[in-house]
Amino acid sequence: MLLSHARDAPNASIIEFAMKFLIAITQDEDGMFVAECPSIPGCVSQGKTSEEAERNIQEAIQECLAVRAEKRLPLTVTIREVEIPV
């Protein structure tokens, strides 16, 4: 979902956008929590707790989006759900 709103005043020229992303958080063998955003290639962070990892991945997402925009790359890649018999 993409939302926009003007910053500070209705006539402001700066418009902010908010996007929602799915993230995955796992705990590694050293006890650190690793967070990644599958729809942004290479967007990974970590933290000592899952809450810290979530905060850190939010910052990483912002930075990754800025870099991808600067390089004129698509902001995200397509993520699909597939069903696999197990």
PDB file of N, CA and C in Angstrom:
ATOM      1  N   MET A   1       0.837  -1.162   0.000  1.00  0.00           N
ATOM      2  CA  MET A   1       0.000   0.000   0.000  1.00  0.00           C
ATOM      3  C   MET A   1       0.887   1.231   0.000  1.00  0.00           C
ATOM      4  N   LEU A   2       0.555   2.224  -0.776  1.00  0.00           N
ATOM      5  CA  LEU A   2       1.318   3.445  -0.877  1.00  0.00           C
ATOM      6  C   LEU A   2       0.442   4.593  -0.405  1.00  0.00           C
ATOM      7  N   LEU A   3       0.911   5.325   0.585  1.00  0.00           N
ATOM      8  CA  LEU A   3       0.176   6.454   1.126  1.00  0.00           C
ATOM      9  C   LEU A   3       1.034   7.693   0.978  1.00  0.00           C
ATOM     10  N   SER A   4       0.411   8.831   0.809  1.00  0.00           N
ATOM     11  CA  SER A   4       1.193  10.060   0.773  1.00  0.00           C
ATOM     12  C   SER A   4       0.490  11.129   1.590  1.00  0.00           C
ATOM     13  N   HIS A   5       1.272  12.037   2.124  1.00  0.00           N
ATOM     14  CA  HIS A   5       0.734  13.185   2.830  1.00  0.00           C
ATOM     15  C   HIS A   5       1.759  14.304   2.792  1.00  0.00           C
ATOM     16  N   ALA A   6       1.279  15.528   2.809  1.00  0.00           N
ATOM     17  CA  ALA A   6       2.184  16.676   2.786  1.00  0.00           C
ATOM     18  C   ALA A   6       2.773  16.878   4.171  1.00  0.00           C
ATOM     19  N   ARG A   7       4.004  17.271   4.221  1.00  0.00           N
ATOM     20  CA  ARG A   7       4.679  17.537   5.483  1.00  0.00           C
ATOM     21  C   ARG A   7       4.394  18.976   5.917  1.00  0.00           C
ATOM     22  N   ASP A   8       3.981  19.149   7.146  1.00  0.00           N
ATOM     23  CA  ASP A   8       3.798  20.436   7.827  1.00  0.00           C
ATOM     24  C   ASP A   8       2.586  21.251   7.366  1.00  0.00           C
ATOM     25  N   ALA A   9       2.323  21.375   6.111  1.00  0.00           N
ATOM     26  CA  ALA A   9       1.221  22.232   5.660  1.00  0.00           C
ATOM     27  C   ALA A   9       0.635  21.683   4.372  1.00  0.00           C
ATOM     28  N   PRO A  10      -0.650  21.966   4.125  1.00  0.00           N
ATOM     29  CA  PRO A  10      -1.275  21.454   2.901  1.00  0.00           C
ATOM     30  C   PRO A  10      -0.594  21.929   1.625  1.00  0.00           C
ATOM     31  N   ASN A  11       0.049  23.096   1.649  1.00  0.00           N
ATOM     32  CA  ASN A  11       0.699  23.631   0.451  1.00  0.00           C
ATOM     33  C   ASN A  11       2.186  23.309   0.396  1.00  0.00           C
ATOM     34  N   ALA A  12       2.658  22.456   1.283  1.00  0.00           N
ATOM     35  CA  ALA A  12       4.084  22.121   1.310  1.00  0.00           C
ATOM     36  C   ALA A  12       4.471  21.392   0.033  1.00  0.00           C
ATOM     37  N   SER A  13       5.686  21.627  -0.422  1.00  0.00           N
ATOM     38  CA  SER A  13       6.133  20.979  -1.654  1.00  0.00           C
ATOM     39  C   SER A  13       6.771  19.619  -1.395  1.00  0.00           C
ATOM     40  N   ILE A  14       7.062  19.303  -0.139  1.00  0.00           N
ATOM     41  CA  ILE A  14       7.658  18.011   0.184  1.00  0.00           C
ATOM     42  C   ILE A  14       6.534  17.032   0.509  1.00  0.00           C
ATOM     43  N   ILE A  15       6.537  15.910  -0.192  1.00  0.00           N
ATOM     44  CA  ILE A  15       5.524  14.885   0.040  1.00  0.00           C
ATOM     45  C   ILE A  15       6.235  13.631   0.521  1.00  0.00           C
ATOM     46  N   GLU A  16       5.743  13.078   1.613  1.00  0.00           N
ATOM     47  CA  GLU A  16       6.297  11.836   2.136  1.00  0.00           C
ATOM     48  C   GLU A  16       5.430  10.676   1.683  1.00  0.00           C
ATOM     49  N   PHE A  17       6.051   9.542   1.448  1.00  0.00           N
ATOM     50  CA  PHE A  17       5.332   8.333   1.088  1.00  0.00           C
ATOM     51  C   PHE A  17       5.602   7.281   2.146  1.00  0.00           C
ATOM     52  N   ALA A  18       4.607   6.494   2.451  1.00  0.00           N
ATOM     53  CA  ALA A  18       4.774   5.382   3.378  1.00  0.00           C
ATOM     54  C   ALA A  18       4.470   4.098   2.619  1.00  0.00           C
ATOM     55  N   MET A  19       5.335   3.137   2.777  1.00  0.00           N
ATOM     56  CA  MET A  19       5.141   1.842   2.145  1.00  0.00           C
ATOM     57  C   MET A  19       5.207   0.785   3.230  1.00  0.00           C
ATOM     58  N   LYS A  20       4.452  -0.290   3.061  1.00  0.00           N
ATOM     59  CA  LYS A  20       4.486  -1.400   3.989  1.00  0.00           C
ATOM     60  C   LYS A  20       5.335  -2.518   3.394  1.00  0.00           C
ATOM     61  N   PHE A  21       6.161  -3.135   4.251  1.00  0.00           N
ATOM     62  CA  PHE A  21       7.028  -4.221   3.811  1.00  0.00           C
ATOM     63  C   PHE A  21       6.894  -5.397   4.753  1.00  0.00           C
ATOM     64  N   LEU A  22       6.981  -6.603   4.201  1.00  0.00           N
ATOM     65  CA  LEU A  22       7.098  -7.800   5.027  1.00  0.00           C
ATOM     66  C   LEU A  22       8.560  -7.955   5.408  1.00  0.00           C
ATOM     67  N   ILE A  23       8.804  -8.364   6.662  1.00  0.00           N
ATOM     68  CA  ILE A  23      10.158  -8.651   7.089  1.00  0.00           C
ATOM     69  C   ILE A  23      10.188 -10.048   7.692  1.00  0.00           C
ATOM     70  N   ALA A  24      11.355 -10.670   7.670  1.00  0.00           N
ATOM     71  CA  ALA A  24      11.556 -11.979   8.295  1.00  0.00           C
ATOM     72  C   ALA A  24      12.621 -11.797   9.368  1.00  0.00           C
ATOM     73  N   ILE A  25      12.359 -12.342  10.556  1.00  0.00           N
ATOM     74  CA  ILE A  25      13.329 -12.274  11.651  1.00  0.00           C
ATOM     75  C   ILE A  25      13.628 -13.695  12.106  1.00  0.00           C
ATOM     76  N   THR A  26      14.913 -14.037  12.135  1.00  0.00           N
ATOM     77  CA  THR A  26      15.353 -15.345  12.609  1.00  0.00           C
ATOM     78  C   THR A  26      16.458 -15.141  13.634  1.00  0.00           C
ATOM     79  N   GLN A  27      16.663 -16.141  14.458  1.00  0.00           N
ATOM     80  CA  GLN A  27      17.746 -16.078  15.439  1.00  0.00           C
ATOM     81  C   GLN A  27      18.875 -16.978  14.956  1.00  0.00           C
ATOM     82  N   ASP A  28      20.098 -16.430  14.899  1.00  0.00           N
ATOM     83  CA  ASP A  28      21.223 -17.220  14.405  1.00  0.00           C
ATOM     84  C   ASP A  28      21.855 -18.040  15.527  1.00  0.00           C
ATOM     85  N   GLU A  29      22.889 -18.804  15.176  1.00  0.00           N
ATOM     86  CA  GLU A  29      23.518 -19.711  16.130  1.00  0.00           C
ATOM     87  C   GLU A  29      24.222 -18.995  17.286  1.00  0.00           C
ATOM     88  N   ASP A  30      24.509 -17.709  17.126  1.00  0.00           N
ATOM     89  CA  ASP A  30      25.138 -16.927  18.185  1.00  0.00           C
ATOM     90  C   ASP A  30      24.121 -16.189  19.053  1.00  0.00           C
ATOM     91  N   GLY A  31      22.838 -16.381  18.766  1.00  0.00           N
ATOM     92  CA  GLY A  31      21.787 -15.735  19.541  1.00  0.00           C
ATOM     93  C   GLY A  31      21.352 -14.378  19.023  1.00  0.00           C
ATOM     94  N   MET A  32      22.002 -13.871  17.978  1.00  0.00           N
ATOM     95  CA  MET A  32      21.599 -12.588  17.395  1.00  0.00           C
ATOM     96  C   MET A  32      20.345 -12.790  16.550  1.00  0.00           C
ATOM     97  N   PHE A  33      19.540 -11.753  16.479  1.00  0.00           N
ATOM     98  CA  PHE A  33      18.338 -11.780  15.652  1.00  0.00           C
ATOM     99  C   PHE A  33      18.650 -11.092  14.329  1.00  0.00           C
ATOM    100  N   VAL A  34      18.420 -11.796  13.246  1.00  0.00           N
ATOM    101  CA  VAL A  34      18.704 -11.300  11.899  1.00  0.00           C
ATOM    102  C   VAL A  34      17.379 -10.970  11.232  1.00  0.00           C
ATOM    103  N   ALA A  35      17.276  -9.756  10.717  1.00  0.00           N
ATOM    104  CA  ALA A  35      16.059  -9.308  10.042  1.00  0.00           C
ATOM    105  C   ALA A  35      16.376  -9.029   8.584  1.00  0.00           C
ATOM    106  N   GLU A  36      15.470  -9.420   7.715  1.00  0.00           N
ATOM    107  CA  GLU A  36      15.645  -9.120   6.298  1.00  0.00           C
ATOM    108  C   GLU A  36      14.316  -8.742   5.674  1.00  0.00           C
ATOM    109  N   CYS A  37      14.422  -7.987   4.601  1.00  0.00           N
ATOM    110  CA  CYS A  37      13.247  -7.570   3.844  1.00  0.00           C
ATOM    111  C   CYS A  37      13.347  -8.248   2.474  1.00  0.00           C
ATOM    112  N   PRO A  38      12.590  -9.332   2.256  1.00  0.00           N
ATOM    113  CA  PRO A  38      12.731 -10.106   1.018  1.00  0.00           C
ATOM    114  C   PRO A  38      12.456  -9.324  -0.267  1.00  0.00           C
ATOM    115  N   SER A  39      11.659  -8.268  -0.192  1.00  0.00           N
ATOM    116  CA  SER A  39      11.327  -7.545  -1.420  1.00  0.00           C
ATOM    117  C   SER A  39      12.390  -6.522  -1.822  1.00  0.00           C
ATOM    118  N   ILE A  40      13.440  -6.372  -0.980  1.00  0.00           N
ATOM    119  CA  ILE A  40      14.548  -5.482  -1.329  1.00  0.00           C
ATOM    120  C   ILE A  40      15.832  -6.308  -1.269  1.00  0.00           C
ATOM    121  N   PRO A  41      16.391  -6.683  -2.404  1.00  0.00           N
ATOM    122  CA  PRO A  41      17.578  -7.534  -2.423  1.00  0.00           C
ATOM    123  C   PRO A  41      18.713  -6.958  -1.574  1.00  0.00           C
ATOM    124  N   GLY A  42      19.278  -7.800  -0.698  1.00  0.00           N
ATOM    125  CA  GLY A  42      20.410  -7.403   0.120  1.00  0.00           C
ATOM    126  C   GLY A  42      20.079  -6.583   1.342  1.00  0.00           C
ATOM    127  N   CYS A  43      18.815  -6.372   1.618  1.00  0.00           N
ATOM    128  CA  CYS A  43      18.408  -5.539   2.753  1.00  0.00           C
ATOM    129  C   CYS A  43      18.297  -6.410   4.004  1.00  0.00           C
ATOM    130  N   VAL A  44      19.361  -6.380   4.804  1.00  0.00           N
ATOM    131  CA  VAL A  44      19.477  -7.230   5.988  1.00  0.00           C
ATOM    132  C   VAL A  44      20.023  -6.397   7.133  1.00  0.00           C
ATOM    133  N   SER A  45      19.580  -6.694   8.354  1.00  0.00           N
ATOM    134  CA  SER A  45      20.115  -6.061   9.551  1.00  0.00           C
ATOM    135  C   SER A  45      20.046  -7.067  10.685  1.00  0.00           C
ATOM    136  N   GLN A  46      20.422  -6.641  11.882  1.00  0.00           N
ATOM    137  CA  GLN A  46      20.387  -7.546  13.022  1.00  0.00           C
ATOM    138  C   GLN A  46      20.236  -6.762  14.310  1.00  0.00           C
ATOM    139  N   GLY A  47      20.051  -7.480  15.408  1.00  0.00           N
ATOM    140  CA  GLY A  47      19.958  -6.872  16.723  1.00  0.00           C
ATOM    141  C   GLY A  47      20.085  -7.925  17.800  1.00  0.00           C
ATOM    142  N   LYS A  48      20.299  -7.472  19.023  1.00  0.00           N
ATOM    143  CA  LYS A  48      20.414  -8.398  20.151  1.00  0.00           C
ATOM    144  C   LYS A  48      19.061  -8.972  20.550  1.00  0.00           C
ATOM    145  N   THR A  49      17.987  -8.257  20.225  1.00  0.00           N
ATOM    146  CA  THR A  49      16.623  -8.730  20.463  1.00  0.00           C
ATOM    147  C   THR A  49      15.847  -8.633  19.161  1.00  0.00           C
ATOM    148  N   SER A  50      14.706  -9.304  19.095  1.00  0.00           N
ATOM    149  CA  SER A  50      13.900  -9.201  17.872  1.00  0.00           C
ATOM    150  C   SER A  50      13.380  -7.777  17.688  1.00  0.00           C
ATOM    151  N   GLU A  51      13.098  -7.094  18.793  1.00  0.00           N
ATOM    152  CA  GLU A  51      12.623  -5.703  18.706  1.00  0.00           C
ATOM    153  C   GLU A  51      13.716  -4.788  18.138  1.00  0.00           C
ATOM    154  N   GLU A  52      14.956  -4.988  18.602  1.00  0.00           N
ATOM    155  CA  GLU A  52      16.063  -4.190  18.083  1.00  0.00           C
ATOM    156  C   GLU A  52      16.290  -4.498  16.602  1.00  0.00           C
ATOM    157  N   ALA A  53      16.205  -5.770  16.238  1.00  0.00           N
ATOM    158  CA  ALA A  53      16.365  -6.150  14.831  1.00  0.00           C
ATOM    159  C   ALA A  53      15.281  -5.504  13.975  1.00  0.00           C
ATOM    160  N   GLU A  54      14.059  -5.445  14.489  1.00  0.00           N
ATOM    161  CA  GLU A  54      12.973  -4.813  13.735  1.00  0.00           C
ATOM    162  C   GLU A  54      13.231  -3.320  13.551  1.00  0.00           C
ATOM    163  N   ARG A  55      13.669  -2.644  14.600  1.00  0.00           N
ATOM    164  CA  ARG A  55      13.997  -1.214  14.468  1.00  0.00           C
ATOM    165  C   ARG A  55      15.125  -1.015  13.456  1.00  0.00           C
ATOM    166  N   ASN A  56      16.130  -1.883  13.546  1.00  0.00           N
ATOM    167  CA  ASN A  56      17.283  -1.752  12.646  1.00  0.00           C
ATOM    168  C   ASN A  56      16.919  -2.026  11.193  1.00  0.00           C
ATOM    169  N   ILE A  57      16.044  -2.987  10.944  1.00  0.00           N
ATOM    170  CA  ILE A  57      15.672  -3.272   9.551  1.00  0.00           C
ATOM    171  C   ILE A  57      14.846  -2.120   8.975  1.00  0.00           C
ATOM    172  N   GLN A  58      14.094  -1.424   9.815  1.00  0.00           N
ATOM    173  CA  GLN A  58      13.351  -0.256   9.323  1.00  0.00           C
ATOM    174  C   GLN A  58      14.315   0.804   8.799  1.00  0.00           C
ATOM    175  N   GLU A  59      15.395   1.041   9.541  1.00  0.00           N
ATOM    176  CA  GLU A  59      16.409   1.990   9.081  1.00  0.00           C
ATOM    177  C   GLU A  59      17.094   1.471   7.817  1.00  0.00           C
ATOM    178  N   ALA A  60      17.390   0.172   7.792  1.00  0.00           N
ATOM    179  CA  ALA A  60      18.044  -0.418   6.621  1.00  0.00           C
ATOM    180  C   ALA A  60      17.158  -0.302   5.383  1.00  0.00           C
ATOM    181  N   ILE A  61      15.854  -0.504   5.557  1.00  0.00           N
ATOM    182  CA  ILE A  61      14.929  -0.377   4.431  1.00  0.00           C
ATOM    183  C   ILE A  61      14.977   1.033   3.866  1.00  0.00           C
ATOM    184  N   GLN A  62      14.946   2.031   4.738  1.00  0.00           N
ATOM    185  CA  GLN A  62      15.010   3.419   4.268  1.00  0.00           C
ATOM    186  C   GLN A  62      16.297   3.671   3.484  1.00  0.00           C
ATOM    187  N   GLU A  63      17.413   3.189   4.008  1.00  0.00           N
ATOM    188  CA  GLU A  63      18.698   3.387   3.328  1.00  0.00           C
ATOM    189  C   GLU A  63      18.751   2.635   2.000  1.00  0.00           C
ATOM    190  N   CYS A  64      18.283   1.411   1.992  1.00  0.00           N
ATOM    191  CA  CYS A  64      18.286   0.623   0.747  1.00  0.00           C
ATOM    192  C   CYS A  64      17.417   1.277  -0.321  1.00  0.00           C
ATOM    193  N   LEU A  65      16.248   1.770   0.082  1.00  0.00           N
ATOM    194  CA  LEU A  65      15.368   2.442  -0.882  1.00  0.00           C
ATOM    195  C   LEU A  65      16.039   3.687  -1.449  1.00  0.00           C
ATOM    196  N   ALA A  66      16.725   4.450  -0.592  1.00  0.00           N
ATOM    197  CA  ALA A  66      17.406   5.660  -1.057  1.00  0.00           C
ATOM    198  C   ALA A  66      18.499   5.309  -2.073  1.00  0.00           C
ATOM    199  N   VAL A  67      19.279   4.275  -1.792  1.00  0.00           N
ATOM    200  CA  VAL A  67      20.346   3.861  -2.698  1.00  0.00           C
ATOM    201  C   VAL A  67      19.768   3.356  -4.018  1.00  0.00           C
ATOM    202  N   ARG A  68      18.713   2.549  -3.934  1.00  0.00           N
ATOM    203  CA  ARG A  68      18.103   2.021  -5.158  1.00  0.00           C
ATOM    204  C   ARG A  68      17.514   3.151  -6.004  1.00  0.00           C
ATOM    205  N   ALA A  69      16.895   4.139  -5.351  1.00  0.00           N
ATOM    206  CA  ALA A  69      16.342   5.285  -6.086  1.00  0.00           C
ATOM    207  C   ALA A  69      17.465   6.082  -6.743  1.00  0.00           C
ATOM    208  N   GLU A  70      18.559   6.293  -6.017  1.00  0.00           N
ATOM    209  CA  GLU A  70      19.694   7.037  -6.555  1.00  0.00           C
ATOM    210  C   GLU A  70      20.291   6.340  -7.771  1.00  0.00           C
ATOM    211  N   LYS A  71      20.334   5.010  -7.733  1.00  0.00           N
ATOM    212  CA  LYS A  71      20.882   4.232  -8.849  1.00  0.00           C
ATOM    213  C   LYS A  71      19.835   3.946  -9.920  1.00  0.00           C
ATOM    214  N   ARG A  72      18.639   4.476  -9.723  1.00  0.00           N
ATOM    215  CA  ARG A  72      17.523   4.290 -10.654  1.00  0.00           C
ATOM    216  C   ARG A  72      17.174   2.821 -10.865  1.00  0.00           C
ATOM    217  N   LEU A  73      17.280   2.051  -9.784  1.00  0.00           N
ATOM    218  CA  LEU A  73      16.859   0.652  -9.793  1.00  0.00           C
ATOM    219  C   LEU A  73      15.415   0.582  -9.325  1.00  0.00           C
ATOM    220  N   PRO A  74      14.698  -0.461  -9.666  1.00  0.00           N
ATOM    221  CA  PRO A  74      13.356  -0.623  -9.102  1.00  0.00           C
ATOM    222  C   PRO A  74      13.480  -0.678  -7.578  1.00  0.00           C
ATOM    223  N   LEU A  75      12.560  -0.037  -6.873  1.00  0.00           N
ATOM    224  CA  LEU A  75      12.651   0.001  -5.422  1.00  0.00           C
ATOM    225  C   LEU A  75      12.525  -1.380  -4.798  1.00  0.00           C
ATOM    226  N   THR A  76      11.674  -2.213  -5.395  1.00  0.00           N
ATOM    227  CA  THR A  76      11.453  -3.548  -4.843  1.00  0.00           C
ATOM    228  C   THR A  76      11.430  -4.575  -5.971  1.00  0.00           C
ATOM    229  N   VAL A  77      11.490  -5.835  -5.586  1.00  0.00           N
ATOM    230  CA  VAL A  77      11.309  -6.933  -6.526  1.00  0.00           C
ATOM    231  C   VAL A  77      10.005  -7.633  -6.178  1.00  0.00           C
ATOM    232  N   THR A  78       9.488  -8.383  -7.105  1.00  0.00           N
ATOM    233  CA  THR A  78       8.228  -9.090  -6.889  1.00  0.00           C
ATOM    234  C   THR A  78       8.440 -10.279  -5.967  1.00  0.00           C
ATOM    235  N   ILE A  79       7.578 -10.401  -4.987  1.00  0.00           N
ATOM    236  CA  ILE A  79       7.582 -11.542  -4.074  1.00  0.00           C
ATOM    237  C   ILE A  79       6.301 -12.323  -4.330  1.00  0.00           C
ATOM    238  N   ARG A  80       6.433 -13.611  -4.500  1.00  0.00           N
ATOM    239  CA  ARG A  80       5.264 -14.451  -4.745  1.00  0.00           C
ATOM    240  C   ARG A  80       5.206 -15.563  -3.721  1.00  0.00           C
ATOM    241  N   GLU A  81       4.018 -16.022  -3.481  1.00  0.00           N
ATOM    242  CA  GLU A  81       3.803 -17.172  -2.605  1.00  0.00           C
ATOM    243  C   GLU A  81       3.557 -18.389  -3.486  1.00  0.00           C
ATOM    244  N   VAL A  82       4.283 -19.458  -3.218  1.00  0.00           N
ATOM    245  CA  VAL A  82       4.076 -20.704  -3.954  1.00  0.00           C
ATOM    246  C   VAL A  82       3.764 -21.812  -2.969  1.00  0.00           C
ATOM    247  N   GLU A  83       3.023 -22.790  -3.425  1.00  0.00           N
ATOM    248  CA  GLU A  83       2.673 -23.919  -2.581  1.00  0.00           C
ATOM    249  C   GLU A  83       3.508 -25.122  -2.988  1.00  0.00           C
ATOM    250  N   ILE A  84       4.166 -25.729  -2.023  1.00  0.00           N
ATOM    251  CA  ILE A  84       5.037 -26.874  -2.261  1.00  0.00           C
ATOM    252  C   ILE A  84       4.550 -28.046  -1.410  1.00  0.00           C
ATOM    253  N   PRO A  85       4.279 -29.196  -2.001  1.00  0.00           N
ATOM    254  CA  PRO A  85       3.878 -30.347  -1.187  1.00  0.00           C
ATOM    255  C   PRO A  85       5.038 -30.838  -0.331  1.00  0.00           C
ATOM    256  N   VAL A  86       4.748 -31.131   0.923  1.00  0.00           N
ATOM    257  CA  VAL A  86       5.793 -31.651   1.817  1.00  0.00           C
ATOM    258  C   VAL A  86       5.349 -32.933   2.484  1.00  0.00           C
TER     259      VAL A  86
END
